Amino acid sequence: MSDQEDILATAARWLEEGESVALATVVETWGSSPRPAGSHLAITASGRLAGSVSGGCIEGAVAEAARATMASGAPQLLDFGISDERAWEVGLACGGKLKVFVEKLGGEQAA
């Protein structure tokens, strides 16, 4: 089983346990990115995390957006970009861009 399958299996288990779960997926990268497109981060409303979509402050911002998505049911497309000059300030090795799609799993989806 790949790491990505493990994350999806963990998210499925959390759903079975009654947790509210969101899945964040890297859908596009440009330049330097710690994780490739297709990388996942599963997040629960109670704060459990599995996987990774980036590093530094981006992971925290994605988790915060995931909580909003779980509350509203509305998916989000997040766009992050950082110059080489500012990359170290936010905990990244160098500049780049990435887009992350965040969706609520299971249960009620927004229409």
PDB file of N, CA and C in Angstrom:
ATOM      1  N   MET A   1       0.849  -1.174   0.000  1.00  0.00           N
ATOM      2  CA  MET A   1       0.000   0.000   0.000  1.00  0.00           C
ATOM      3  C   MET A   1       0.897   1.240   0.000  1.00  0.00           C
ATOM      4  N   SER A   2       0.610   2.215  -0.879  1.00  0.00           N
ATOM      5  CA  SER A   2       1.416   3.432  -0.939  1.00  0.00           C
ATOM      6  C   SER A   2       1.064   4.363   0.218  1.00  0.00           C
ATOM      7  N   ASP A   3       1.930   5.364   0.419  1.00  0.00           N
ATOM      8  CA  ASP A   3       1.663   6.355   1.465  1.00  0.00           C
ATOM      9  C   ASP A   3       0.328   7.053   1.232  1.00  0.00           C
ATOM     10  N   GLN A   4       0.024   7.371  -0.039  1.00  0.00           N
ATOM     11  CA  GLN A   4      -1.228   8.066  -0.353  1.00  0.00           C
ATOM     12  C   GLN A   4      -2.440   7.177  -0.048  1.00  0.00           C
ATOM     13  N   GLU A   5      -2.329   5.880  -0.351  1.00  0.00           N
ATOM     14  CA  GLU A   5      -3.416   4.945  -0.022  1.00  0.00           C
ATOM     15  C   GLU A   5      -3.588   4.830   1.488  1.00  0.00           C
ATOM     16  N   ASP A   6      -2.475   4.859   2.227  1.00  0.00           N
ATOM     17  CA  ASP A   6      -2.536   4.824   3.690  1.00  0.00           C
ATOM     18  C   ASP A   6      -3.320   6.020   4.217  1.00  0.00           C
ATOM     19  N   ILE A   7      -3.073   7.199   3.663  1.00  0.00           N
ATOM     20  CA  ILE A   7      -3.768   8.414   4.096  1.00  0.00           C
ATOM     21  C   ILE A   7      -5.257   8.299   3.817  1.00  0.00           C
ATOM     22  N   LEU A   8      -5.614   7.807   2.635  1.00  0.00           N
ATOM     23  CA  LEU A   8      -7.030   7.638   2.299  1.00  0.00           C
ATOM     24  C   LEU A   8      -7.683   6.583   3.184  1.00  0.00           C
ATOM     25  N   ALA A   9      -6.961   5.518   3.491  1.00  0.00           N
ATOM     26  CA  ALA A   9      -7.488   4.479   4.386  1.00  0.00           C
ATOM     27  C   ALA A   9      -7.687   5.041   5.788  1.00  0.00           C
ATOM     28  N   THR A  10      -6.747   5.875   6.241  1.00  0.00           N
ATOM     29  CA  THR A  10      -6.877   6.512   7.554  1.00  0.00           C
ATOM     30  C   THR A  10      -8.098   7.420   7.574  1.00  0.00           C
ATOM     31  N   ALA A  11      -8.284   8.219   6.520  1.00  0.00           N
ATOM     32  CA  ALA A  11      -9.446   9.107   6.437  1.00  0.00           C
ATOM     33  C   ALA A  11     -10.744   8.300   6.471  1.00  0.00           C
ATOM     34  N   ALA A  12     -10.772   7.181   5.757  1.00  0.00           N
ATOM     35  CA  ALA A  12     -11.963   6.322   5.745  1.00  0.00           C
ATOM     36  C   ALA A  12     -12.238   5.759   7.143  1.00  0.00           C
ATOM     37  N   ARG A  13     -11.177   5.371   7.839  1.00  0.00           N
ATOM     38  CA  ARG A  13     -11.341   4.853   9.201  1.00  0.00           C
ATOM     39  C   ARG A  13     -11.896   5.928  10.127  1.00  0.00           C
ATOM     40  N   TRP A  14     -11.360   7.144  10.009  1.00  0.00           N
ATOM     41  CA  TRP A  14     -11.854   8.251  10.832  1.00  0.00           C
ATOM     42  C   TRP A  14     -13.336   8.505  10.566  1.00  0.00           C
ATOM     43  N   LEU A  15     -13.748   8.435   9.299  1.00  0.00           N
ATOM     44  CA  LEU A  15     -15.171   8.612   8.966  1.00  0.00           C
ATOM     45  C   LEU A  15     -16.009   7.538   9.645  1.00  0.00           C
ATOM     46  N   GLU A  16     -15.522   6.287   9.589  1.00  0.00           N
ATOM     47  CA  GLU A  16     -16.246   5.177  10.226  1.00  0.00           C
ATOM     48  C   GLU A  16     -16.358   5.370  11.738  1.00  0.00           C
ATOM     49  N   GLU A  17     -15.378   6.070  12.328  1.00  0.00           N
ATOM     50  CA  GLU A  17     -15.381   6.347  13.764  1.00  0.00           C
ATOM     51  C   GLU A  17     -16.288   7.524  14.119  1.00  0.00           C
ATOM     52  N   GLY A  18     -16.897   8.141  13.093  1.00  0.00           N
ATOM     53  CA  GLY A  18     -17.817   9.243  13.334  1.00  0.00           C
ATOM     54  C   GLY A  18     -17.197  10.629  13.278  1.00  0.00           C
ATOM     55  N   GLU A  19     -15.929  10.706  12.881  1.00  0.00           N
ATOM     56  CA  GLU A  19     -15.255  12.010  12.772  1.00  0.00           C
ATOM     57  C   GLU A  19     -15.736  12.756  11.529  1.00  0.00           C
ATOM     58  N   SER A  20     -15.699  14.076  11.580  1.00  0.00           N
ATOM     59  CA  SER A  20     -15.863  14.918  10.394  1.00  0.00           C
ATOM     60  C   SER A  20     -14.476  15.019   9.776  1.00  0.00           C
ATOM     61  N   VAL A  21     -14.367  14.742   8.469  1.00  0.00           N
ATOM     62  CA  VAL A  21     -13.054  14.651   7.818  1.00  0.00           C
ATOM     63  C   VAL A  21     -13.039  15.474   6.536  1.00  0.00           C
ATOM     64  N   ALA A  22     -11.929  16.170   6.318  1.00  0.00           N
ATOM     65  CA  ALA A  22     -11.678  16.858   5.052  1.00  0.00           C
ATOM     66  C   ALA A  22     -10.400  16.284   4.457  1.00  0.00           C
ATOM     67  N   LEU A  23     -10.330  16.323   3.129  1.00  0.00           N
ATOM     68  CA  LEU A  23      -9.139  15.861   2.424  1.00  0.00           C
ATOM     69  C   LEU A  23      -8.600  17.012   1.594  1.00  0.00           C
ATOM     70  N   ALA A  24      -7.316  17.306   1.789  1.00  0.00           N
ATOM     71  CA  ALA A  24      -6.618  18.318   0.999  1.00  0.00           C
ATOM     72  C   ALA A  24      -5.701  17.589   0.024  1.00  0.00           C
ATOM     73  N   THR A  25      -5.737  18.003  -1.243  1.00  0.00           N
ATOM     74  CA  THR A  25      -4.932  17.370  -2.289  1.00  0.00           C
ATOM     75  C   THR A  25      -4.169  18.429  -3.062  1.00  0.00           C
ATOM     76  N   VAL A  26      -2.855  18.240  -3.211  1.00  0.00           N
ATOM     77  CA  VAL A  26      -2.067  19.130  -4.062  1.00  0.00           C
ATOM     78  C   VAL A  26      -2.484  18.849  -5.507  1.00  0.00           C
ATOM     79  N   VAL A  27      -2.995  19.872  -6.195  1.00  0.00           N
ATOM     80  CA  VAL A  27      -3.458  19.668  -7.566  1.00  0.00           C
ATOM     81  C   VAL A  27      -2.524  20.281  -8.600  1.00  0.00           C
ATOM     82  N   GLU A  28      -1.645  21.194  -8.161  1.00  0.00           N
ATOM     83  CA  GLU A  28      -0.722  21.817  -9.110  1.00  0.00           C
ATOM     84  C   GLU A  28       0.463  22.389  -8.352  1.00  0.00           C
ATOM     85  N   THR A  29       1.659  22.269  -8.939  1.00  0.00           N
ATOM     86  CA  THR A  29       2.849  22.892  -8.360  1.00  0.00           C
ATOM     87  C   THR A  29       3.616  23.601  -9.463  1.00  0.00           C
ATOM     88  N   TRP A  30       4.390  24.594  -9.066  1.00  0.00           N
ATOM     89  CA  TRP A  30       5.279  25.295  -9.972  1.00  0.00           C
ATOM     90  C   TRP A  30       6.512  25.691  -9.180  1.00  0.00           C
ATOM     91  N   GLY A  31       7.680  25.487  -9.753  1.00  0.00           N
ATOM     92  CA  GLY A  31       8.908  25.793  -9.027  1.00  0.00           C
ATOM     93  C   GLY A  31       9.146  24.762  -7.944  1.00  0.00           C
ATOM     94  N   SER A  32       9.681  25.209  -6.831  1.00  0.00           N
ATOM     95  CA  SER A  32       9.994  24.313  -5.732  1.00  0.00           C
ATOM     96  C   SER A  32       8.749  24.043  -4.900  1.00  0.00           C
ATOM     97  N   SER A  33       8.499  22.778  -4.630  1.00  0.00           N
ATOM     98  CA  SER A  33       7.379  22.393  -3.779  1.00  0.00           C
ATOM     99  C   SER A  33       7.804  21.154  -3.003  1.00  0.00           C
ATOM    100  N   PRO A  34       7.610  21.150  -1.676  1.00  0.00           N
ATOM    101  CA  PRO A  34       8.048  20.005  -0.871  1.00  0.00           C
ATOM    102  C   PRO A  34       7.309  18.713  -1.204  1.00  0.00           C
ATOM    103  N   ARG A  35       6.079  18.811  -1.682  1.00  0.00           N
ATOM    104  CA  ARG A  35       5.275  17.622  -1.980  1.00  0.00           C
ATOM    105  C   ARG A  35       4.760  17.724  -3.415  1.00  0.00           C
ATOM    106  N   PRO A  36       4.749  16.622  -4.161  1.00  0.00           N
ATOM    107  CA  PRO A  36       4.294  16.651  -5.554  1.00  0.00           C
ATOM    108  C   PRO A  36       2.770  16.697  -5.664  1.00  0.00           C
ATOM    109  N   ALA A  37       2.296  17.033  -6.856  1.00  0.00           N
ATOM    110  CA  ALA A  37       0.856  16.978  -7.137  1.00  0.00           C
ATOM    111  C   ALA A  37       0.360  15.569  -6.812  1.00  0.00           C
ATOM    112  N   GLY A  38      -0.829  15.485  -6.232  1.00  0.00           N
ATOM    113  CA  GLY A  38      -1.400  14.207  -5.825  1.00  0.00           C
ATOM    114  C   GLY A  38      -1.185  13.890  -4.355  1.00  0.00           C
ATOM    115  N   SER A  39      -0.341  14.682  -3.671  1.00  0.00           N
ATOM    116  CA  SER A  39      -0.116  14.462  -2.244  1.00  0.00           C
ATOM    117  C   SER A  39      -1.368  14.839  -1.456  1.00  0.00           C
ATOM    118  N   HIS A  40      -1.631  14.095  -0.373  1.00  0.00           N
ATOM    119  CA  HIS A  40      -2.842  14.307   0.423  1.00  0.00           C
ATOM    120  C   HIS A  40      -2.523  14.641   1.875  1.00  0.00           C
ATOM    121  N   LEU A  41      -3.448  15.396   2.474  1.00  0.00           N
ATOM    122  CA  LEU A  41      -3.468  15.633   3.908  1.00  0.00           C
ATOM    123  C   LEU A  41      -4.912  15.437   4.354  1.00  0.00           C
ATOM    124  N   ALA A  42      -5.136  14.486   5.248  1.00  0.00           N
ATOM    125  CA  ALA A  42      -6.464  14.278   5.828  1.00  0.00           C
ATOM    126  C   ALA A  42      -6.505  15.004   7.163  1.00  0.00           C
ATOM    127  N   ILE A  43      -7.626  15.696   7.413  1.00  0.00           N
ATOM    128  CA  ILE A  43      -7.774  16.506   8.615  1.00  0.00           C
ATOM    129  C   ILE A  43      -9.132  16.208   9.228  1.00  0.00           C
ATOM    130  N   THR A  44      -9.184  16.066  10.568  1.00  0.00           N
ATOM    131  CA  THR A  44     -10.475  15.896  11.237  1.00  0.00           C
ATOM    132  C   THR A  44     -10.828  17.172  11.992  1.00  0.00           C
ATOM    133  N   ALA A  45     -12.114  17.310  12.294  1.00  0.00           N
ATOM    134  CA  ALA A  45     -12.564  18.468  13.061  1.00  0.00           C
ATOM    135  C   ALA A  45     -11.932  18.476  14.447  1.00  0.00           C
ATOM    136  N   SER A  46     -11.570  17.303  14.975  1.00  0.00           N
ATOM    137  CA  SER A  46     -10.962  17.222  16.307  1.00  0.00           C
ATOM    138  C   SER A  46      -9.452  17.492  16.277  1.00  0.00           C
ATOM    139  N   GLY A  47      -8.886  17.709  15.070  1.00  0.00           N
ATOM    140  CA  GLY A  47      -7.476  18.077  14.974  1.00  0.00           C
ATOM    141  C   GLY A  47      -6.513  16.984  14.574  1.00  0.00           C
ATOM    142  N   ARG A  48      -7.009  15.794  14.230  1.00  0.00           N
ATOM    143  CA  ARG A  48      -6.109  14.729  13.782  1.00  0.00           C
ATOM    144  C   ARG A  48      -5.654  15.024  12.356  1.00  0.00           C
ATOM    145  N   LEU A  49      -4.386  14.684  12.064  1.00  0.00           N
ATOM    146  CA  LEU A  49      -3.805  14.900  10.741  1.00  0.00           C
ATOM    147  C   LEU A  49      -3.118  13.627  10.264  1.00  0.00           C
ATOM    148  N   ALA A  50      -3.204  13.373   8.965  1.00  0.00           N
ATOM    149  CA  ALA A  50      -2.448  12.282   8.340  1.00  0.00           C
ATOM    150  C   ALA A  50      -1.986  12.771   6.976  1.00  0.00           C
ATOM    151  N   GLY A  51      -0.707  12.595   6.699  1.00  0.00           N
ATOM    152  CA  GLY A  51      -0.176  13.001   5.404  1.00  0.00           C
ATOM    153  C   GLY A  51       0.413  14.392   5.433  1.00  0.00           C
ATOM    154  N   SER A  52       0.671  14.931   4.239  1.00  0.00           N
ATOM    155  CA  SER A  52       1.275  16.256   4.120  1.00  0.00           C
ATOM    156  C   SER A  52       1.045  16.805   2.722  1.00  0.00           C
ATOM    157  N   VAL A  53       0.813  18.113   2.643  1.00  0.00           N
ATOM    158  CA  VAL A  53       0.696  18.769   1.344  1.00  0.00           C
ATOM    159  C   VAL A  53       1.813  19.778   1.122  1.00  0.00           C
ATOM    160  N   SER A  54       2.561  20.099   2.156  1.00  0.00           N
ATOM    161  CA  SER A  54       3.626  21.082   2.027  1.00  0.00           C
ATOM    162  C   SER A  54       4.483  21.071   3.270  1.00  0.00           C
ATOM    163  N   GLY A  55       4.801  22.224   3.741  1.00  0.00           N
ATOM    164  CA  GLY A  55       5.581  22.376   4.953  1.00  0.00           C
ATOM    165  C   GLY A  55       5.400  23.792   5.455  1.00  0.00           C
ATOM    166  N   GLY A  56       6.053  24.101   6.535  1.00  0.00           N
ATOM    167  CA  GLY A  56       5.982  25.454   7.064  1.00  0.00           C
ATOM    168  C   GLY A  56       4.561  25.868   7.399  1.00  0.00           C
ATOM    169  N   CYS A  57       4.281  27.153   7.201  1.00  0.00           N
ATOM    170  CA  CYS A  57       2.982  27.687   7.588  1.00  0.00           C
ATOM    171  C   CYS A  57       1.862  27.269   6.633  1.00  0.00           C
ATOM    172  N   ILE A  58       2.189  26.767   5.453  1.00  0.00           N
ATOM    173  CA  ILE A  58       1.160  26.370   4.498  1.00  0.00           C
ATOM    174  C   ILE A  58       0.309  25.238   5.066  1.00  0.00           C
ATOM    175  N   GLU A  59       0.927  24.284   5.716  1.00  0.00           N
ATOM    176  CA  GLU A  59       0.185  23.154   6.294  1.00  0.00           C
ATOM    177  C   GLU A  59      -0.857  23.648   7.306  1.00  0.00           C
ATOM    178  N   GLY A  60      -0.481  24.613   8.137  1.00  0.00           N
ATOM    179  CA  GLY A  60      -1.416  25.176   9.106  1.00  0.00           C
ATOM    180  C   GLY A  60      -2.561  25.907   8.430  1.00  0.00           C
ATOM    181  N   ALA A  61      -2.258  26.649   7.369  1.00  0.00           N
ATOM    182  CA  ALA A  61      -3.299  27.371   6.632  1.00  0.00           C
ATOM    183  C   ALA A  61      -4.264  26.394   5.969  1.00  0.00           C
ATOM    184  N   VAL A  62      -3.745  25.279   5.457  1.00  0.00           N
ATOM    185  CA  VAL A  62      -4.599  24.267   4.833  1.00  0.00           C
ATOM    186  C   VAL A  62      -5.499  23.623   5.885  1.00  0.00           C
ATOM    187  N   ALA A  63      -4.956  23.320   7.060  1.00  0.00           N
ATOM    188  CA  ALA A  63      -5.764  22.727   8.131  1.00  0.00           C
ATOM    189  C   ALA A  63      -6.877  23.680   8.561  1.00  0.00           C
ATOM    190  N   GLU A  64      -6.559  24.966   8.644  1.00  0.00           N
ATOM    191  CA  GLU A  64      -7.567  25.964   9.011  1.00  0.00           C
ATOM    192  C   GLU A  64      -8.671  26.030   7.945  1.00  0.00           C
ATOM    193  N   ALA A  65      -8.289  26.033   6.678  1.00  0.00           N
ATOM    194  CA  ALA A  65      -9.268  26.044   5.591  1.00  0.00           C
ATOM    195  C   ALA A  65     -10.103  24.770   5.622  1.00  0.00           C
ATOM    196  N   ALA A  66      -9.494  23.643   5.964  1.00  0.00           N
ATOM    197  CA  ALA A  66     -10.211  22.368   6.044  1.00  0.00           C
ATOM    198  C   ALA A  66     -11.294  22.415   7.112  1.00  0.00           C
ATOM    199  N   ARG A  67     -11.000  23.054   8.243  1.00  0.00           N
ATOM    200  CA  ARG A  67     -12.015  23.190   9.293  1.00  0.00           C
ATOM    201  C   ARG A  67     -13.207  24.000   8.786  1.00  0.00           C
ATOM    202  N   ALA A  68     -12.941  25.059   8.026  1.00  0.00           N
ATOM    203  CA  ALA A  68     -14.023  25.859   7.444  1.00  0.00           C
ATOM    204  C   ALA A  68     -14.828  25.033   6.443  1.00  0.00           C
ATOM    205  N   THR A  69     -14.134  24.220   5.650  1.00  0.00           N
ATOM    206  CA  THR A  69     -14.814  23.365   4.676  1.00  0.00           C
ATOM    207  C   THR A  69     -15.680  22.318   5.372  1.00  0.00           C
ATOM    208  N   MET A  70     -15.194  21.753   6.469  1.00  0.00           N
ATOM    209  CA  MET A  70     -16.002  20.777   7.209  1.00  0.00           C
ATOM    210  C   MET A  70     -17.253  21.438   7.771  1.00  0.00           C
ATOM    211  N   ALA A  71     -17.125  22.668   8.234  1.00  0.00           N
ATOM    212  CA  ALA A  71     -18.268  23.371   8.812  1.00  0.00           C
ATOM    213  C   ALA A  71     -19.308  23.750   7.756  1.00  0.00           C
ATOM    214  N   SER A  72     -18.846  24.189   6.584  1.00  0.00           N
ATOM    215  CA  SER A  72     -19.762  24.688   5.555  1.00  0.00           C
ATOM    216  C   SER A  72     -20.137  23.631   4.519  1.00  0.00           C
ATOM    217  N   GLY A  73     -19.262  22.644   4.331  1.00  0.00           N
ATOM    218  CA  GLY A  73     -19.461  21.656   3.266  1.00  0.00           C
ATOM    219  C   GLY A  73     -18.984  22.140   1.913  1.00  0.00           C
ATOM    220  N   ALA A  74     -18.564  23.418   1.820  1.00  0.00           N
ATOM    221  CA  ALA A  74     -18.144  23.992   0.536  1.00  0.00           C
ATOM    222  C   ALA A  74     -16.662  23.726   0.282  1.00  0.00           C
ATOM    223  N   PRO A  75     -16.325  23.093  -0.852  1.00  0.00           N
ATOM    224  CA  PRO A  75     -14.915  22.861  -1.176  1.00  0.00           C
ATOM    225  C   PRO A  75     -14.203  24.177  -1.461  1.00  0.00           C
ATOM    226  N   GLN A  76     -12.880  24.145  -1.369  1.00  0.00           N
ATOM    227  CA  GLN A  76     -12.068  25.340  -1.622  1.00  0.00           C
ATOM    228  C   GLN A  76     -10.859  24.970  -2.470  1.00  0.00           C
ATOM    229  N   LEU A  77     -10.427  25.900  -3.312  1.00  0.00           N
ATOM    230  CA  LEU A  77      -9.170  25.767  -4.039  1.00  0.00           C
ATOM    231  C   LEU A  77      -8.248  26.851  -3.498  1.00  0.00           C
ATOM    232  N   LEU A  78      -7.200  26.433  -2.810  1.00  0.00           N
ATOM    233  CA  LEU A  78      -6.264  27.349  -2.176  1.00  0.00           C
ATOM    234  C   LEU A  78      -5.048  27.542  -3.067  1.00  0.00           C
ATOM    235  N   ASP A  79      -4.573  28.766  -3.158  1.00  0.00           N
ATOM    236  CA  ASP A  79      -3.452  29.116  -4.019  1.00  0.00           C
ATOM    237  C   ASP A  79      -2.356  29.731  -3.163  1.00  0.00           C
ATOM    238  N   PHE A  80      -1.192  29.091  -3.116  1.00  0.00           N
ATOM    239  CA  PHE A  80      -0.072  29.585  -2.324  1.00  0.00           C
ATOM    240  C   PHE A  80       1.108  29.872  -3.242  1.00  0.00           C
ATOM    241  N   GLY A  81       1.764  30.985  -3.025  1.00  0.00           N
ATOM    242  CA  GLY A  81       2.959  31.321  -3.786  1.00  0.00           C
ATOM    243  C   GLY A  81       3.905  32.105  -2.916  1.00  0.00           C
ATOM    244  N   ILE A  82       5.186  31.881  -3.097  1.00  0.00           N
ATOM    245  CA  ILE A  82       6.181  32.565  -2.277  1.00  0.00           C
ATOM    246  C   ILE A  82       7.440  32.787  -3.109  1.00  0.00           C
ATOM    247  N   SER A  83       8.020  33.956  -2.971  1.00  0.00           N
ATOM    248  CA  SER A  83       9.259  34.259  -3.685  1.00  0.00           C
ATOM    249  C   SER A  83      10.437  33.578  -2.997  1.00  0.00           C
ATOM    250  N   ASP A  84      11.517  33.384  -3.733  1.00  0.00           N
ATOM    251  CA  ASP A  84      12.728  32.807  -3.144  1.00  0.00           C
ATOM    252  C   ASP A  84      13.194  33.629  -1.948  1.00  0.00           C
ATOM    253  N   GLU A  85      13.069  34.964  -2.050  1.00  0.00           N
ATOM    254  CA  GLU A  85      13.561  35.851  -1.002  1.00  0.00           C
ATOM    255  C   GLU A  85      12.794  35.651   0.311  1.00  0.00           C
ATOM    256  N   ARG A  86      11.502  35.345   0.267  1.00  0.00           N
ATOM    257  CA  ARG A  86      10.692  35.229   1.473  1.00  0.00           C
ATOM    258  C   ARG A  86      10.487  33.777   1.908  1.00  0.00           C
ATOM    259  N   ALA A  87      10.949  32.821   1.134  1.00  0.00           N
ATOM    260  CA  ALA A  87      10.665  31.406   1.403  1.00  0.00           C
ATOM    261  C   ALA A  87      11.102  30.974   2.803  1.00  0.00           C
ATOM    262  N   TRP A  88      12.303  31.351   3.221  1.00  0.00           N
ATOM    263  CA  TRP A  88      12.800  30.928   4.538  1.00  0.00           C
ATOM    264  C   TRP A  88      11.943  31.482   5.670  1.00  0.00           C
ATOM    265  N   GLU A  89      11.354  32.674   5.460  1.00  0.00           N
ATOM    266  CA  GLU A  89      10.531  33.292   6.499  1.00  0.00           C
ATOM    267  C   GLU A  89       9.327  32.427   6.863  1.00  0.00           C
ATOM    268  N   VAL A  90       8.810  31.678   5.892  1.00  0.00           N
ATOM    269  CA  VAL A  90       7.607  30.866   6.128  1.00  0.00           C
ATOM    270  C   VAL A  90       7.926  29.383   6.265  1.00  0.00           C
ATOM    271  N   GLY A  91       9.209  29.047   6.365  1.00  0.00           N
ATOM    272  CA  GLY A  91       9.598  27.670   6.639  1.00  0.00           C
ATOM    273  C   GLY A  91       9.781  26.795   5.413  1.00  0.00           C
ATOM    274  N   LEU A  92       9.956  27.403   4.239  1.00  0.00           N
ATOM    275  CA  LEU A  92      10.181  26.629   3.023  1.00  0.00           C
ATOM    276  C   LEU A  92      11.627  26.802   2.566  1.00  0.00           C
ATOM    277  N   ALA A  93      12.131  25.821   1.833  1.00  0.00           N
ATOM    278  CA  ALA A  93      13.525  25.855   1.400  1.00  0.00           C
ATOM    279  C   ALA A  93      13.766  26.914   0.326  1.00  0.00           C
ATOM    280  N   CYS A  94      12.815  27.104  -0.577  1.00  0.00           N
ATOM    281  CA  CYS A  94      12.945  28.112  -1.626  1.00  0.00           C
ATOM    282  C   CYS A  94      11.564  28.392  -2.196  1.00  0.00           C
ATOM    283  N   GLY A  95      11.493  29.353  -3.087  1.00  0.00           N
ATOM    284  CA  GLY A  95      10.201  29.813  -3.606  1.00  0.00           C
ATOM    285  C   GLY A  95       9.513  28.794  -4.500  1.00  0.00           C
ATOM    286  N   GLY A  96       8.236  29.016  -4.726  1.00  0.00           N
ATOM    287  CA  GLY A  96       7.448  28.149  -5.583  1.00  0.00           C
ATOM    288  C   GLY A  96       5.974  28.453  -5.395  1.00  0.00           C
ATOM    289  N   LYS A  97       5.148  27.721  -6.110  1.00  0.00           N
ATOM    290  CA  LYS A  97       3.705  27.897  -6.015  1.00  0.00           C
ATOM    291  C   LYS A  97       3.050  26.528  -5.936  1.00  0.00           C
ATOM    292  N   LEU A  98       1.915  26.476  -5.250  1.00  0.00           N
ATOM    293  CA  LEU A  98       1.123  25.260  -5.268  1.00  0.00           C
ATOM    294  C   LEU A  98      -0.336  25.598  -5.074  1.00  0.00           C
ATOM    295  N   LYS A  99      -1.182  24.736  -5.626  1.00  0.00           N
ATOM    296  CA  LYS A  99      -2.621  24.834  -5.447  1.00  0.00           C
ATOM    297  C   LYS A  99      -3.083  23.579  -4.726  1.00  0.00           C
ATOM    298  N   VAL A 100      -3.962  23.784  -3.743  1.00  0.00           N
ATOM    299  CA  VAL A 100      -4.457  22.682  -2.921  1.00  0.00           C
ATOM    300  C   VAL A 100      -5.976  22.717  -2.927  1.00  0.00           C
ATOM    301  N   PHE A 101      -6.600  21.594  -3.299  1.00  0.00           N
ATOM    302  CA  PHE A 101      -8.053  21.463  -3.288  1.00  0.00           C
ATOM    303  C   PHE A 101      -8.458  20.817  -1.969  1.00  0.00           C
ATOM    304  N   VAL A 102      -9.416  21.435  -1.277  1.00  0.00           N
ATOM    305  CA  VAL A 102      -9.875  20.943   0.018  1.00  0.00           C
ATOM    306  C   VAL A 102     -11.356  20.590  -0.099  1.00  0.00           C
ATOM    307  N   GLU A 103     -11.701  19.356   0.297  1.00  0.00           N
ATOM    308  CA  GLU A 103     -13.097  18.905   0.230  1.00  0.00           C
ATOM    309  C   GLU A 103     -13.465  18.127   1.478  1.00  0.00           C
ATOM    310  N   LYS A 104     -14.733  18.216   1.839  1.00  0.00           N
ATOM    311  CA  LYS A 104     -15.250  17.443   2.960  1.00  0.00           C
ATOM    312  C   LYS A 104     -15.541  16.039   2.462  1.00  0.00           C
ATOM    313  N   LEU A 105     -15.199  15.040   3.255  1.00  0.00           N
ATOM    314  CA  LEU A 105     -15.452  13.657   2.880  1.00  0.00           C
ATOM    315  C   LEU A 105     -16.713  13.143   3.580  1.00  0.00           C
ATOM    316  N   GLY A 106     -17.416  12.237   2.893  1.00  0.00           N
ATOM    317  CA  GLY A 106     -18.569  11.564   3.485  1.00  0.00           C
ATOM    318  C   GLY A 106     -19.689  12.512   3.851  1.00  0.00           C
ATOM    319  N   GLY A 107     -20.733  11.961   4.415  1.00  0.00           N
ATOM    320  CA  GLY A 107     -21.833  12.764   4.949  1.00  0.00           C
ATOM    321  C   GLY A 107     -22.401  13.772   3.984  1.00  0.00           C
ATOM    322  N   GLU A 108     -22.697  14.928   4.543  1.00  0.00           N
ATOM    323  CA  GLU A 108     -23.380  15.978   3.795  1.00  0.00           C
ATOM    324  C   GLU A 108     -22.382  16.791   2.979  1.00  0.00           C
ATOM    325  N   GLN A 109     -22.584  16.824   1.683  1.00  0.00           N
ATOM    326  CA  GLN A 109     -21.782  17.679   0.804  1.00  0.00           C
ATOM    327  C   GLN A 109     -22.645  18.889   0.435  1.00  0.00           C
ATOM    328  N   ALA A 110     -22.011  20.027   0.204  1.00  0.00           N
ATOM    329  CA  ALA A 110     -22.735  21.204  -0.241  1.00  0.00           C
ATOM    330  C   ALA A 110     -23.277  20.956  -1.634  1.00  0.00           C
ATOM    331  N   ALA A 111     -24.441  21.493  -1.909  1.00  0.00           N
ATOM    332  CA  ALA A 111     -25.068  21.296  -3.233  1.00  0.00           C
ATOM    333  C   ALA A 111     -24.445  22.214  -4.254  1.00  0.00           C
TER     334      ALA A 111
END
